[in-house]
Structures are given as C-alpha cells and as structure tokens.
Amino acid sequence: MTYYAVTREPGERWVSSLGMREQERWDEHAEFMDALAAAGFIVLGGPLGSGEKRSLLIVDAESEQEIEAALADDPWVPMGLLRITSVEPWQILLRAER
C-alpha cells in the first residue's frame, strides 16, 4: 500500500503571533480539510510538534499533481498562509493489528 506524505508550512502571510485556529479564515480552512478527510483523500493529518512550523498529511492519491491540485483549493493557499514543502511517496510496510 502506498500513500503520499505531504508536509506543509506557514506561508509569507502567516501571523506568527497568532495560533493556528486564530489565523484568518480558520473556519473555512478547517471545513475544507475536513471535507478532504471525509472523502478519504486525507487519511491522517495534523500539526507536527507545536504546530507552528509544519504539518503532515498522509494522502491517498494517484499522483503528486492530484495532491497539488486538490490542496490548491484550500482557502489558506491563495492567501499565503500555507504552502506545500514536500510530497513524497510513502510505502507502508509495517502495520500494527488492533
């Protein structure tokens, strides 16, 4: 099984004195991301560490181009609040049975 690991970080308009949920248009961004997760496009996602520097998404997609196109519709992208820093295939070899 192969997914993509996508890292994103704040863009040039991110207000570092504000928390993630305090950024402009948080509700629209959260609704957009929730919809991608509900559709199965985002398998897992969230901030790394304190969330101030990077976030990680595990994505079920056919290609990097599909990922870039889908995430371009995030309201935070044209606003300069978020940008993709890397997209890498991630092959799952180990999985804990629950």
C-alpha atoms as a PDB file:
ATOM      1  CA  MET A   1       0.000   0.000   0.000  1.00  0.00           C
ATOM      2  CA  THR A   2       1.423   3.380  -0.985  1.00  0.00           C
ATOM      3  CA  TYR A   3       0.277   6.772   0.190  1.00  0.00           C
ATOM      4  CA  TYR A   4       1.906  10.172  -0.024  1.00  0.00           C
ATOM      5  CA  ALA A   5       3.423  12.054   2.902  1.00  0.00           C
ATOM      6  CA  VAL A   6       2.824  15.764   2.391  1.00  0.00           C
ATOM      7  CA  THR A   7       4.429  18.424   4.553  1.00  0.00           C
ATOM      8  CA  ARG A   8       3.149  21.962   4.629  1.00  0.00           C
ATOM      9  CA  GLU A   9       4.380  25.016   6.457  1.00  0.00           C
ATOM     10  CA  PRO A  10       3.254  28.566   7.055  1.00  0.00           C
ATOM     11  CA  GLY A  11       3.442  30.930   4.113  1.00  0.00           C
ATOM     12  CA  GLU A  12       4.562  34.524   3.950  1.00  0.00           C
ATOM     13  CA  ARG A  13       1.275  35.910   5.354  1.00  0.00           C
ATOM     14  CA  TRP A  14       1.121  33.610   8.407  1.00  0.00           C
ATOM     15  CA  VAL A  15       0.858  35.735  11.558  1.00  0.00           C
ATOM     16  CA  SER A  16       3.355  34.134  13.927  1.00  0.00           C
ATOM     17  CA  SER A  17       1.881  35.890  16.978  1.00  0.00           C
ATOM     18  CA  LEU A  18      -1.420  34.047  16.417  1.00  0.00           C
ATOM     19  CA  GLY A  19      -2.197  30.396  16.954  1.00  0.00           C
ATOM     20  CA  MET A  20      -3.325  28.134  14.122  1.00  0.00           C
ATOM     21  CA  ARG A  21      -7.015  28.475  14.986  1.00  0.00           C
ATOM     22  CA  GLU A  22      -6.665  32.258  15.251  1.00  0.00           C
ATOM     23  CA  GLN A  23      -5.422  32.725  11.678  1.00  0.00           C
ATOM     24  CA  GLU A  24      -7.697  34.497   9.223  1.00  0.00           C
ATOM     25  CA  ARG A  25     -10.410  32.238   7.711  1.00  0.00           C
ATOM     26  CA  TRP A  26      -9.653  29.331  10.050  1.00  0.00           C
ATOM     27  CA  ASP A  27     -13.216  28.025   9.814  1.00  0.00           C
ATOM     28  CA  GLU A  28     -13.113  27.848   6.008  1.00  0.00           C
ATOM     29  CA  HIS A  29      -9.711  26.126   6.060  1.00  0.00           C
ATOM     30  CA  ALA A  30     -10.876  23.589   8.668  1.00  0.00           C
ATOM     31  CA  GLU A  31     -14.076  22.858   6.729  1.00  0.00           C
ATOM     32  CA  PHE A  32     -12.079  22.304   3.534  1.00  0.00           C
ATOM     33  CA  MET A  33      -9.624  19.942   5.233  1.00  0.00           C
ATOM     34  CA  ASP A  34     -12.432  18.052   6.999  1.00  0.00           C
ATOM     35  CA  ALA A  35     -14.126  17.520   3.626  1.00  0.00           C
ATOM     36  CA  LEU A  36     -10.924  16.050   2.142  1.00  0.00           C
ATOM     37  CA  ALA A  37     -10.660  13.704   5.129  1.00  0.00           C
ATOM     38  CA  ALA A  38     -14.333  12.690   4.869  1.00  0.00           C
ATOM     39  CA  ALA A  39     -13.785  11.875   1.186  1.00  0.00           C
ATOM     40  CA  GLY A  40     -10.833   9.614   2.083  1.00  0.00           C
ATOM     41  CA  PHE A  41      -8.291  11.800   0.298  1.00  0.00           C
ATOM     42  CA  ILE A  42      -6.590  12.717   3.579  1.00  0.00           C
ATOM     43  CA  VAL A  43      -6.009   9.562   5.615  1.00  0.00           C
ATOM     44  CA  LEU A  44      -4.268  11.246   8.560  1.00  0.00           C
ATOM     45  CA  GLY A  45      -3.242  14.818   9.173  1.00  0.00           C
ATOM     46  CA  GLY A  46      -2.227  17.388  11.721  1.00  0.00           C
ATOM     47  CA  PRO A  47       0.495  19.661  13.007  1.00  0.00           C
ATOM     48  CA  LEU A  48       3.954  18.316  13.795  1.00  0.00           C
ATOM     49  CA  GLY A  49       5.369  19.252  17.185  1.00  0.00           C
ATOM     50  CA  SER A  50       3.913  22.530  18.382  1.00  0.00           C
ATOM     51  CA  GLY A  51       2.259  23.091  15.012  1.00  0.00           C
ATOM     52  CA  GLU A  52       3.987  26.413  14.498  1.00  0.00           C
ATOM     53  CA  LYS A  53       6.369  25.213  11.804  1.00  0.00           C
ATOM     54  CA  ARG A  54       4.993  22.213   9.907  1.00  0.00           C
ATOM     55  CA  SER A  55       2.047  19.943   9.396  1.00  0.00           C
ATOM     56  CA  LEU A  56       1.920  16.438   7.974  1.00  0.00           C
ATOM     57  CA  LEU A  57      -0.769  14.923   5.778  1.00  0.00           C
ATOM     58  CA  ILE A  58      -0.937  11.294   4.726  1.00  0.00           C
ATOM     59  CA  VAL A  59      -2.810  11.332   1.429  1.00  0.00           C
ATOM     60  CA  ASP A  60      -4.395   8.632  -0.714  1.00  0.00           C
ATOM     61  CA  ALA A  61      -3.889   9.963  -4.239  1.00  0.00           C
ATOM     62  CA  GLU A  62      -2.795   8.801  -7.676  1.00  0.00           C
ATOM     63  CA  SER A  63      -0.068  11.415  -8.175  1.00  0.00           C
ATOM     64  CA  GLU A  64       1.713  14.475  -6.842  1.00  0.00           C
ATOM     65  CA  GLN A  65      -0.185  16.564  -9.388  1.00  0.00           C
ATOM     66  CA  GLU A  66      -3.510  15.382  -7.945  1.00  0.00           C
ATOM     67  CA  ILE A  67      -2.343  16.390  -4.471  1.00  0.00           C
ATOM     68  CA  GLU A  68      -1.126  19.805  -5.577  1.00  0.00           C
ATOM     69  CA  ALA A  69      -4.375  20.474  -7.448  1.00  0.00           C
ATOM     70  CA  ALA A  70      -6.567  19.426  -4.521  1.00  0.00           C
ATOM     71  CA  LEU A  71      -4.634  21.401  -1.910  1.00  0.00           C
ATOM     72  CA  ALA A  72      -4.547  24.499  -4.147  1.00  0.00           C
ATOM     73  CA  ASP A  73      -8.267  24.860  -3.354  1.00  0.00           C
ATOM     74  CA  ASP A  74      -7.524  25.278   0.366  1.00  0.00           C
ATOM     75  CA  PRO A  75      -8.605  28.849   1.241  1.00  0.00           C
ATOM     76  CA  TRP A  76      -5.298  29.396   3.032  1.00  0.00           C
ATOM     77  CA  VAL A  77      -3.170  28.744  -0.082  1.00  0.00           C
ATOM     78  CA  PRO A  78      -4.038  31.825  -2.193  1.00  0.00           C
ATOM     79  CA  MET A  79      -3.957  33.903   0.988  1.00  0.00           C
ATOM     80  CA  GLY A  80      -0.303  32.965   1.531  1.00  0.00           C
ATOM     81  CA  LEU A  81      -0.983  31.252   4.850  1.00  0.00           C
ATOM     82  CA  LEU A  82       0.086  27.721   3.863  1.00  0.00           C
ATOM     83  CA  ARG A  83       2.335  26.145   1.266  1.00  0.00           C
ATOM     84  CA  ILE A  84       3.441  22.644   0.371  1.00  0.00           C
ATOM     85  CA  THR A  85       7.082  21.975   1.216  1.00  0.00           C
ATOM     86  CA  SER A  86       7.319  18.339   0.156  1.00  0.00           C
ATOM     87  CA  VAL A  87       5.340  15.491  -1.375  1.00  0.00           C
ATOM     88  CA  GLU A  88       6.864  12.034  -1.093  1.00  0.00           C
ATOM     89  CA  PRO A  89       5.526   8.548  -1.779  1.00  0.00           C
ATOM     90  CA  TRP A  90       5.215   6.555   1.439  1.00  0.00           C
ATOM     91  CA  GLN A  91       5.051   2.796   1.214  1.00  0.00           C
ATOM     92  CA  ILE A  92       3.576   1.188   4.308  1.00  0.00           C
ATOM     93  CA  LEU A  93       5.477  -1.963   5.230  1.00  0.00           C
ATOM     94  CA  LEU A  94       4.556  -2.275   8.902  1.00  0.00           C
ATOM     95  CA  ARG A  95       1.128  -2.010  10.390  1.00  0.00           C
ATOM     96  CA  ALA A  96       0.008  -2.844  13.905  1.00  0.00           C
ATOM     97  CA  GLU A  97      -3.043  -5.059  14.086  1.00  0.00           C
ATOM     98  CA  ARG A  98      -5.633  -3.839  16.558  1.00  0.00           C
END
